[in-house]
Amino acid sequence: MSETVSETTEATGTPYAARVALRWSDMDAYAHINNVQFLRLLEDARVIAFRDWFDGGGAGDKSLLDEGVLVSRHEIEYRRPLGFRHEPVEIQMWVSRVGGAGFDVAYIVTDPDGVEAPGGRNIYAVAETELALYDFADASPRRMRPEERASLQLHVGDPAPFRRRRR
């Protein structure tokens, strides 16, 4: 039975959706997108989202990406193989945790509208990234500012819907 997006995102509300193109070079010898390339897809989606979430949000003329944010952890669960195609994938994302000096982003990698399989959209991966705020100019970690917290709060949802969580 194939899972559909609505089955796994009911509790998170409406996630932000970014469309990310696949590259021919993302394919491996098994003719599907290599598992490591999924991290690039997630990064591309984060860059798209953060430009929308943080630019012009009262944090001055620098965006969060310009000032500094570092990946401190990834967790990814692969659900089904994704073969190369010309249509982009849709990466649905939301903030799953907000802390004092960082936050987590949850993702579902799926088909965009119009590329649906019988029974609903395919889910290719579920993931979560832990991000730490960093000041590139001072080369040091930093605390979250109130305006950044306010921007993140607009996108808060549940943790990533992993099938199995570490305890």
N, C-alpha and C. Protein backbone atom coordinates (compact mmCIF):
# COMPACT_ATOMS: atom_id res chain seq x y z
N MET A 1 0.85 -1.17 0.00
CA MET A 1 0.00 0.00 0.00
C MET A 1 0.89 1.23 0.00
N SER A 2 0.64 2.16 -0.89
CA SER A 2 1.47 3.37 -0.90
C SER A 2 0.90 4.40 0.05
N GLU A 3 1.82 5.09 0.73
CA GLU A 3 1.39 6.13 1.66
C GLU A 3 1.07 7.39 0.89
N THR A 4 0.19 8.17 1.42
CA THR A 4 -0.08 9.46 0.81
C THR A 4 0.35 10.55 1.77
N VAL A 5 0.60 11.71 1.25
CA VAL A 5 1.06 12.83 2.06
C VAL A 5 0.06 13.16 3.15
N SER A 6 -1.21 13.16 2.84
CA SER A 6 -2.20 13.55 3.84
C SER A 6 -2.20 12.61 5.04
N GLU A 7 -1.85 11.34 4.84
CA GLU A 7 -1.81 10.39 5.95
C GLU A 7 -0.73 10.75 6.96
N THR A 8 0.37 11.34 6.51
CA THR A 8 1.49 11.56 7.41
C THR A 8 1.64 13.01 7.86
N THR A 9 0.82 13.92 7.34
CA THR A 9 1.00 15.32 7.72
C THR A 9 -0.24 15.94 8.35
N GLU A 10 -1.20 15.15 8.70
CA GLU A 10 -2.44 15.71 9.25
C GLU A 10 -2.19 16.65 10.43
N ALA A 11 -1.35 16.24 11.35
CA ALA A 11 -1.17 17.01 12.58
C ALA A 11 -0.28 18.24 12.40
N THR A 12 0.44 18.35 11.30
CA THR A 12 1.38 19.45 11.14
C THR A 12 0.76 20.66 10.46
N GLY A 13 -0.50 20.60 10.09
CA GLY A 13 -1.09 21.74 9.40
C GLY A 13 -0.60 21.80 7.97
N THR A 14 -0.39 23.01 7.48
CA THR A 14 0.05 23.18 6.11
C THR A 14 1.55 23.49 6.08
N PRO A 15 2.37 22.52 5.67
CA PRO A 15 3.80 22.78 5.62
C PRO A 15 4.19 23.68 4.46
N TYR A 16 5.34 24.31 4.58
CA TYR A 16 5.93 25.07 3.48
C TYR A 16 6.36 24.06 2.42
N ALA A 17 6.16 24.36 1.16
CA ALA A 17 6.53 23.45 0.08
C ALA A 17 7.52 24.11 -0.86
N ALA A 18 8.64 23.43 -1.09
CA ALA A 18 9.66 23.90 -2.03
C ALA A 18 9.83 22.82 -3.10
N ARG A 19 9.88 23.25 -4.33
CA ARG A 19 10.13 22.31 -5.43
C ARG A 19 11.62 22.36 -5.77
N VAL A 20 12.21 21.17 -5.83
CA VAL A 20 13.65 21.06 -6.08
C VAL A 20 13.87 20.11 -7.25
N ALA A 21 14.64 20.58 -8.23
CA ALA A 21 14.93 19.78 -9.41
C ALA A 21 15.92 18.67 -9.10
N LEU A 22 15.73 17.56 -9.76
CA LEU A 22 16.69 16.45 -9.69
C LEU A 22 17.76 16.67 -10.75
N ARG A 23 18.95 16.17 -10.49
CA ARG A 23 20.04 16.25 -11.47
C ARG A 23 20.36 14.85 -11.95
N TRP A 24 20.73 14.73 -13.21
CA TRP A 24 21.11 13.44 -13.78
C TRP A 24 22.22 12.82 -12.94
N SER A 25 23.14 13.64 -12.46
CA SER A 25 24.28 13.14 -11.68
C SER A 25 23.88 12.69 -10.27
N ASP A 26 22.63 12.93 -9.86
CA ASP A 26 22.16 12.44 -8.56
C ASP A 26 21.92 10.94 -8.57
N MET A 27 21.81 10.36 -9.77
CA MET A 27 21.52 8.94 -9.89
C MET A 27 22.75 8.11 -9.59
N ASP A 28 22.52 6.93 -9.01
CA ASP A 28 23.63 6.02 -8.76
C ASP A 28 23.55 4.82 -9.69
N ALA A 29 24.38 3.82 -9.47
CA ALA A 29 24.45 2.65 -10.34
C ALA A 29 23.16 1.84 -10.35
N TYR A 30 22.31 2.05 -9.36
CA TYR A 30 21.04 1.33 -9.29
C TYR A 30 19.91 2.09 -9.97
N ALA A 31 20.24 3.18 -10.66
CA ALA A 31 19.29 3.99 -11.44
C ALA A 31 18.25 4.69 -10.57
N HIS A 32 18.62 5.01 -9.34
CA HIS A 32 17.74 5.85 -8.52
C HIS A 32 18.60 6.92 -7.84
N ILE A 33 17.92 7.92 -7.31
CA ILE A 33 18.64 9.02 -6.67
C ILE A 33 19.37 8.46 -5.44
N ASN A 34 20.67 8.70 -5.40
CA ASN A 34 21.52 8.18 -4.34
C ASN A 34 21.09 8.74 -2.99
N ASN A 35 21.21 7.91 -1.95
CA ASN A 35 20.76 8.34 -0.62
C ASN A 35 21.48 9.59 -0.14
N VAL A 36 22.74 9.76 -0.47
CA VAL A 36 23.48 10.95 -0.05
C VAL A 36 22.93 12.20 -0.74
N GLN A 37 22.46 12.06 -1.96
CA GLN A 37 21.92 13.21 -2.70
C GLN A 37 20.63 13.74 -2.08
N PHE A 38 19.94 12.91 -1.30
CA PHE A 38 18.75 13.40 -0.62
C PHE A 38 19.11 14.56 0.32
N LEU A 39 20.29 14.52 0.92
CA LEU A 39 20.71 15.61 1.80
C LEU A 39 20.88 16.91 1.02
N ARG A 40 21.35 16.81 -0.23
CA ARG A 40 21.44 18.01 -1.07
C ARG A 40 20.05 18.54 -1.40
N LEU A 41 19.12 17.65 -1.66
CA LEU A 41 17.75 18.09 -1.93
C LEU A 41 17.18 18.83 -0.72
N LEU A 42 17.43 18.31 0.47
CA LEU A 42 16.95 18.97 1.69
C LEU A 42 17.61 20.33 1.87
N GLU A 43 18.91 20.40 1.60
CA GLU A 43 19.62 21.67 1.71
C GLU A 43 19.06 22.70 0.72
N ASP A 44 18.85 22.28 -0.52
CA ASP A 44 18.28 23.20 -1.51
C ASP A 44 16.92 23.72 -1.05
N ALA A 45 16.09 22.83 -0.50
CA ALA A 45 14.78 23.25 -0.01
C ALA A 45 14.90 24.21 1.17
N ARG A 46 15.86 23.96 2.08
CA ARG A 46 16.06 24.88 3.21
C ARG A 46 16.45 26.26 2.75
N VAL A 47 17.33 26.33 1.76
CA VAL A 47 17.76 27.64 1.25
C VAL A 47 16.57 28.41 0.68
N ILE A 48 15.73 27.73 -0.07
CA ILE A 48 14.52 28.36 -0.62
C ILE A 48 13.62 28.84 0.52
N ALA A 49 13.37 27.98 1.49
CA ALA A 49 12.47 28.33 2.60
C ALA A 49 13.04 29.46 3.44
N PHE A 50 14.32 29.40 3.78
CA PHE A 50 14.89 30.41 4.67
C PHE A 50 14.89 31.79 4.03
N ARG A 51 15.02 31.87 2.73
CA ARG A 51 14.93 33.18 2.07
C ARG A 51 13.53 33.75 2.27
N ASP A 52 12.51 32.91 2.22
CA ASP A 52 11.14 33.37 2.46
C ASP A 52 10.88 33.62 3.94
N TRP A 53 11.37 32.76 4.80
CA TRP A 53 11.06 32.85 6.22
C TRP A 53 11.79 33.99 6.91
N PHE A 54 13.01 34.32 6.48
CA PHE A 54 13.83 35.25 7.25
C PHE A 54 14.16 36.56 6.55
N ASP A 55 14.21 36.62 5.25
CA ASP A 55 14.55 37.88 4.58
C ASP A 55 13.48 38.92 4.85
N GLY A 56 13.89 40.10 5.24
CA GLY A 56 12.95 41.18 5.49
C GLY A 56 12.14 40.99 6.74
N GLY A 57 12.56 40.06 7.60
CA GLY A 57 11.80 39.79 8.81
C GLY A 57 12.21 40.64 9.99
N GLY A 58 12.87 41.75 9.75
CA GLY A 58 13.26 42.62 10.84
C GLY A 58 14.61 42.29 11.44
N ALA A 59 15.35 41.37 10.83
CA ALA A 59 16.65 40.97 11.39
C ALA A 59 17.78 41.76 10.75
N GLY A 60 17.51 42.93 10.20
CA GLY A 60 18.54 43.72 9.54
C GLY A 60 18.64 43.36 8.08
N ASP A 61 19.77 43.73 7.46
CA ASP A 61 19.89 43.49 6.03
C ASP A 61 20.52 42.13 5.71
N LYS A 62 20.90 41.35 6.74
CA LYS A 62 21.45 40.02 6.51
C LYS A 62 20.39 38.97 6.74
N SER A 63 20.42 37.95 5.92
CA SER A 63 19.51 36.84 6.15
C SER A 63 20.17 35.84 7.09
N LEU A 64 19.40 34.91 7.58
CA LEU A 64 19.93 33.87 8.46
C LEU A 64 21.05 33.11 7.76
N LEU A 65 20.90 32.86 6.47
CA LEU A 65 21.93 32.13 5.72
C LEU A 65 23.22 32.94 5.62
N ASP A 66 23.11 34.25 5.47
CA ASP A 66 24.30 35.10 5.38
C ASP A 66 25.02 35.19 6.71
N GLU A 67 24.26 35.30 7.78
CA GLU A 67 24.86 35.48 9.09
C GLU A 67 25.44 34.19 9.64
N GLY A 68 24.68 33.11 9.51
CA GLY A 68 25.22 31.84 9.93
C GLY A 68 24.24 30.88 10.56
N VAL A 69 24.17 29.71 9.99
CA VAL A 69 23.43 28.59 10.54
C VAL A 69 24.16 27.34 10.08
N LEU A 70 24.41 26.43 11.02
CA LEU A 70 25.15 25.21 10.72
C LEU A 70 24.30 23.98 10.99
N VAL A 71 24.48 22.96 10.18
CA VAL A 71 23.81 21.69 10.40
C VAL A 71 24.59 20.95 11.49
N SER A 72 23.88 20.51 12.53
CA SER A 72 24.53 19.74 13.57
C SER A 72 24.08 18.27 13.60
N ARG A 73 22.97 17.96 12.91
CA ARG A 73 22.50 16.57 12.88
C ARG A 73 21.48 16.41 11.76
N HIS A 74 21.51 15.26 11.11
CA HIS A 74 20.48 14.85 10.16
C HIS A 74 19.95 13.49 10.58
N GLU A 75 18.67 13.30 10.38
CA GLU A 75 18.07 11.98 10.51
C GLU A 75 17.16 11.82 9.30
N ILE A 76 17.31 10.70 8.61
CA ILE A 76 16.52 10.50 7.39
C ILE A 76 16.05 9.05 7.32
N GLU A 77 14.82 8.91 6.90
CA GLU A 77 14.22 7.59 6.73
C GLU A 77 13.78 7.50 5.26
N TYR A 78 14.36 6.56 4.55
CA TYR A 78 14.04 6.39 3.14
C TYR A 78 12.82 5.49 3.03
N ARG A 79 11.82 5.95 2.28
CA ARG A 79 10.57 5.20 2.18
C ARG A 79 10.44 4.41 0.88
N ARG A 80 10.96 4.98 -0.22
CA ARG A 80 10.87 4.27 -1.51
C ARG A 80 11.91 4.86 -2.45
N PRO A 81 12.37 4.09 -3.43
CA PRO A 81 13.35 4.60 -4.38
C PRO A 81 12.76 5.73 -5.23
N LEU A 82 13.59 6.69 -5.52
CA LEU A 82 13.22 7.82 -6.39
C LEU A 82 14.11 7.78 -7.61
N GLY A 83 13.51 7.54 -8.76
CA GLY A 83 14.27 7.51 -10.01
C GLY A 83 14.40 8.91 -10.59
N PHE A 84 15.36 9.09 -11.46
CA PHE A 84 15.51 10.39 -12.11
C PHE A 84 14.29 10.68 -12.96
N ARG A 85 13.89 11.93 -12.98
CA ARG A 85 12.81 12.42 -13.84
C ARG A 85 13.03 13.91 -14.04
N HIS A 86 12.37 14.46 -15.02
CA HIS A 86 12.53 15.89 -15.30
C HIS A 86 11.70 16.76 -14.35
N GLU A 87 10.61 16.22 -13.82
CA GLU A 87 9.78 16.98 -12.88
C GLU A 87 10.50 17.06 -11.54
N PRO A 88 10.37 18.19 -10.86
CA PRO A 88 11.02 18.32 -9.54
C PRO A 88 10.30 17.47 -8.49
N VAL A 89 10.94 17.30 -7.36
CA VAL A 89 10.25 16.74 -6.20
C VAL A 89 9.74 17.90 -5.37
N GLU A 90 8.75 17.65 -4.56
CA GLU A 90 8.27 18.65 -3.64
C GLU A 90 8.77 18.26 -2.25
N ILE A 91 9.37 19.21 -1.58
CA ILE A 91 9.84 18.96 -0.23
C ILE A 91 9.01 19.82 0.70
N GLN A 92 8.16 19.15 1.45
CA GLN A 92 7.32 19.83 2.43
C GLN A 92 8.13 19.94 3.71
N MET A 93 8.12 21.11 4.33
CA MET A 93 8.94 21.31 5.52
C MET A 93 8.26 22.23 6.51
N TRP A 94 8.66 22.06 7.74
CA TRP A 94 8.15 22.87 8.84
C TRP A 94 9.17 22.82 9.97
N VAL A 95 9.02 23.70 10.93
CA VAL A 95 9.90 23.74 12.09
C VAL A 95 9.33 22.78 13.13
N SER A 96 10.15 21.85 13.59
CA SER A 96 9.66 20.85 14.54
C SER A 96 10.15 21.09 15.97
N ARG A 97 11.11 22.00 16.14
CA ARG A 97 11.59 22.36 17.49
C ARG A 97 12.27 23.71 17.41
N VAL A 98 12.03 24.55 18.40
CA VAL A 98 12.70 25.85 18.51
C VAL A 98 13.39 25.87 19.86
N GLY A 99 14.70 26.11 19.86
CA GLY A 99 15.46 26.18 21.10
C GLY A 99 16.06 27.56 21.28
N GLY A 100 16.97 27.69 22.22
CA GLY A 100 17.59 28.97 22.51
C GLY A 100 18.65 29.39 21.51
N ALA A 101 19.33 28.41 20.90
CA ALA A 101 20.41 28.72 19.97
C ALA A 101 20.31 27.87 18.70
N GLY A 102 19.15 27.31 18.46
CA GLY A 102 18.99 26.49 17.26
C GLY A 102 17.56 26.01 17.11
N PHE A 103 17.33 25.24 16.06
CA PHE A 103 15.99 24.73 15.78
C PHE A 103 16.10 23.52 14.88
N ASP A 104 15.02 22.78 14.78
CA ASP A 104 14.96 21.60 13.91
C ASP A 104 13.95 21.86 12.80
N VAL A 105 14.25 21.33 11.63
CA VAL A 105 13.35 21.39 10.49
C VAL A 105 13.00 19.96 10.09
N ALA A 106 11.72 19.68 9.92
CA ALA A 106 11.23 18.38 9.48
C ALA A 106 10.84 18.46 8.01
N TYR A 107 10.96 17.34 7.30
CA TYR A 107 10.70 17.31 5.87
C TYR A 107 9.97 16.04 5.46
N ILE A 108 9.22 16.16 4.38
CA ILE A 108 8.70 15.02 3.65
C ILE A 108 9.03 15.27 2.18
N VAL A 109 9.75 14.33 1.57
CA VAL A 109 10.10 14.41 0.15
C VAL A 109 9.05 13.62 -0.61
N THR A 110 8.34 14.31 -1.49
CA THR A 110 7.18 13.71 -2.14
C THR A 110 7.06 14.19 -3.59
N ASP A 111 6.03 13.73 -4.24
CA ASP A 111 5.71 14.19 -5.60
C ASP A 111 4.96 15.51 -5.53
N PRO A 112 5.20 16.42 -6.45
CA PRO A 112 4.39 17.64 -6.50
C PRO A 112 3.03 17.34 -7.13
N ASP A 113 2.12 18.29 -7.03
CA ASP A 113 0.83 18.15 -7.71
C ASP A 113 1.08 17.87 -9.18
N GLY A 114 0.29 16.99 -9.74
CA GLY A 114 0.41 16.67 -11.16
C GLY A 114 1.35 15.50 -11.45
N VAL A 115 2.06 15.02 -10.45
CA VAL A 115 2.95 13.88 -10.64
C VAL A 115 2.54 12.80 -9.64
N GLU A 116 1.24 12.65 -9.47
CA GLU A 116 0.74 11.71 -8.48
C GLU A 116 0.60 10.32 -9.08
N ALA A 117 0.93 9.35 -8.26
CA ALA A 117 0.75 7.95 -8.62
C ALA A 117 -0.66 7.52 -8.21
N PRO A 118 -1.13 6.39 -8.73
CA PRO A 118 -2.44 5.91 -8.28
C PRO A 118 -2.45 5.75 -6.76
N GLY A 119 -3.49 6.24 -6.12
CA GLY A 119 -3.59 6.12 -4.67
C GLY A 119 -3.01 7.30 -3.92
N GLY A 120 -2.43 8.28 -4.61
CA GLY A 120 -1.90 9.45 -3.92
C GLY A 120 -0.44 9.69 -4.23
N ARG A 121 0.10 10.72 -3.62
CA ARG A 121 1.49 11.07 -3.83
C ARG A 121 2.40 10.05 -3.15
N ASN A 122 3.52 9.77 -3.81
CA ASN A 122 4.53 8.91 -3.20
C ASN A 122 5.33 9.70 -2.17
N ILE A 123 5.70 9.05 -1.11
CA ILE A 123 6.62 9.62 -0.14
C ILE A 123 7.93 8.89 -0.31
N TYR A 124 8.98 9.64 -0.62
CA TYR A 124 10.30 9.05 -0.86
C TYR A 124 11.17 9.07 0.38
N ALA A 125 11.02 10.08 1.22
CA ALA A 125 11.82 10.16 2.44
C ALA A 125 11.14 11.07 3.45
N VAL A 126 11.42 10.80 4.71
CA VAL A 126 11.04 11.67 5.82
C VAL A 126 12.35 11.99 6.53
N ALA A 127 12.53 13.25 6.90
CA ALA A 127 13.81 13.64 7.49
C ALA A 127 13.64 14.75 8.51
N GLU A 128 14.69 14.96 9.28
CA GLU A 128 14.72 16.06 10.23
C GLU A 128 16.18 16.52 10.34
N THR A 129 16.38 17.83 10.36
CA THR A 129 17.71 18.43 10.47
C THR A 129 17.75 19.32 11.69
N GLU A 130 18.78 19.15 12.50
CA GLU A 130 19.01 20.03 13.64
C GLU A 130 19.99 21.11 13.18
N LEU A 131 19.64 22.36 13.42
CA LEU A 131 20.45 23.50 12.98
C LEU A 131 20.87 24.33 14.19
N ALA A 132 22.11 24.78 14.17
CA ALA A 132 22.64 25.64 15.23
C ALA A 132 22.92 27.02 14.65
N LEU A 133 22.51 28.04 15.37
CA LEU A 133 22.78 29.40 14.93
C LEU A 133 24.25 29.72 15.18
N TYR A 134 24.86 30.43 14.24
CA TYR A 134 26.29 30.68 14.29
C TYR A 134 26.56 32.07 13.76
N ASP A 135 27.54 32.72 14.32
CA ASP A 135 27.96 34.04 13.85
C ASP A 135 29.26 33.86 13.08
N PHE A 136 29.17 33.89 11.74
CA PHE A 136 30.36 33.69 10.91
C PHE A 136 31.40 34.78 11.16
N ALA A 137 30.97 36.01 11.40
CA ALA A 137 31.90 37.13 11.61
C ALA A 137 32.73 36.92 12.88
N ASP A 138 32.10 36.41 13.94
CA ASP A 138 32.81 36.18 15.21
C ASP A 138 33.31 34.75 15.35
N ALA A 139 32.95 33.89 14.40
CA ALA A 139 33.32 32.47 14.45
C ALA A 139 32.90 31.84 15.78
N SER A 140 31.62 32.06 16.14
CA SER A 140 31.14 31.51 17.41
C SER A 140 29.63 31.25 17.34
N PRO A 141 29.16 30.32 18.17
CA PRO A 141 27.72 30.09 18.25
C PRO A 141 27.04 31.33 18.81
N ARG A 142 25.74 31.46 18.56
CA ARG A 142 25.01 32.61 19.08
C ARG A 142 23.61 32.20 19.50
N ARG A 143 22.97 33.05 20.26
CA ARG A 143 21.60 32.84 20.71
C ARG A 143 20.62 33.33 19.65
N MET A 144 19.41 32.82 19.72
CA MET A 144 18.36 33.22 18.79
C MET A 144 17.80 34.58 19.20
N ARG A 145 17.60 35.44 18.20
CA ARG A 145 17.00 36.75 18.46
C ARG A 145 15.47 36.63 18.44
N PRO A 146 14.78 37.54 19.11
CA PRO A 146 13.31 37.48 19.17
C PRO A 146 12.65 37.48 17.79
N GLU A 147 13.17 38.26 16.85
CA GLU A 147 12.54 38.31 15.52
C GLU A 147 12.75 36.99 14.76
N GLU A 148 13.86 36.31 15.00
CA GLU A 148 14.07 35.00 14.38
C GLU A 148 13.10 33.99 14.98
N ARG A 149 12.95 34.02 16.29
CA ARG A 149 12.01 33.12 16.97
C ARG A 149 10.59 33.35 16.44
N ALA A 150 10.22 34.61 16.27
CA ALA A 150 8.88 34.93 15.76
C ALA A 150 8.69 34.38 14.35
N SER A 151 9.71 34.50 13.50
CA SER A 151 9.63 33.95 12.14
C SER A 151 9.48 32.44 12.16
N LEU A 152 10.24 31.78 13.02
CA LEU A 152 10.16 30.32 13.12
C LEU A 152 8.81 29.86 13.66
N GLN A 153 8.27 30.59 14.61
CA GLN A 153 7.00 30.19 15.22
C GLN A 153 5.87 30.12 14.20
N LEU A 154 5.98 30.87 13.11
CA LEU A 154 4.97 30.84 12.06
C LEU A 154 4.94 29.51 11.32
N HIS A 155 5.99 28.70 11.48
CA HIS A 155 6.13 27.46 10.73
C HIS A 155 6.22 26.22 11.61
N VAL A 156 5.86 26.35 12.88
CA VAL A 156 6.00 25.23 13.81
C VAL A 156 4.93 24.18 13.57
N GLY A 157 5.36 22.93 13.62
CA GLY A 157 4.48 21.78 13.52
C GLY A 157 5.02 20.64 14.36
N ASP A 158 4.52 19.47 14.14
CA ASP A 158 4.92 18.28 14.89
C ASP A 158 6.31 17.81 14.48
N PRO A 159 6.90 16.90 15.26
CA PRO A 159 8.16 16.27 14.82
C PRO A 159 7.95 15.52 13.51
N ALA A 160 9.04 15.22 12.84
CA ALA A 160 8.96 14.47 11.59
C ALA A 160 8.26 13.13 11.85
N PRO A 161 7.39 12.71 10.94
CA PRO A 161 6.62 11.48 11.16
C PRO A 161 7.41 10.21 10.81
N PHE A 162 8.50 9.98 11.56
CA PHE A 162 9.28 8.77 11.35
C PHE A 162 8.48 7.55 11.77
N ARG A 163 8.71 6.46 11.10
CA ARG A 163 8.05 5.21 11.48
C ARG A 163 8.61 4.69 12.79
N ARG A 164 9.91 4.87 12.97
CA ARG A 164 10.55 4.36 14.17
C ARG A 164 11.47 5.43 14.73
N ARG A 165 11.29 5.77 15.97
CA ARG A 165 12.12 6.77 16.65
C ARG A 165 13.06 6.09 17.62
N ARG A 166 14.26 6.64 17.76
CA ARG A 166 15.18 6.16 18.79
C ARG A 166 14.61 6.53 20.15
N ARG A 167 14.85 5.70 21.12
CA ARG A 167 14.34 5.99 22.48
C ARG A 167 15.46 6.26 23.41
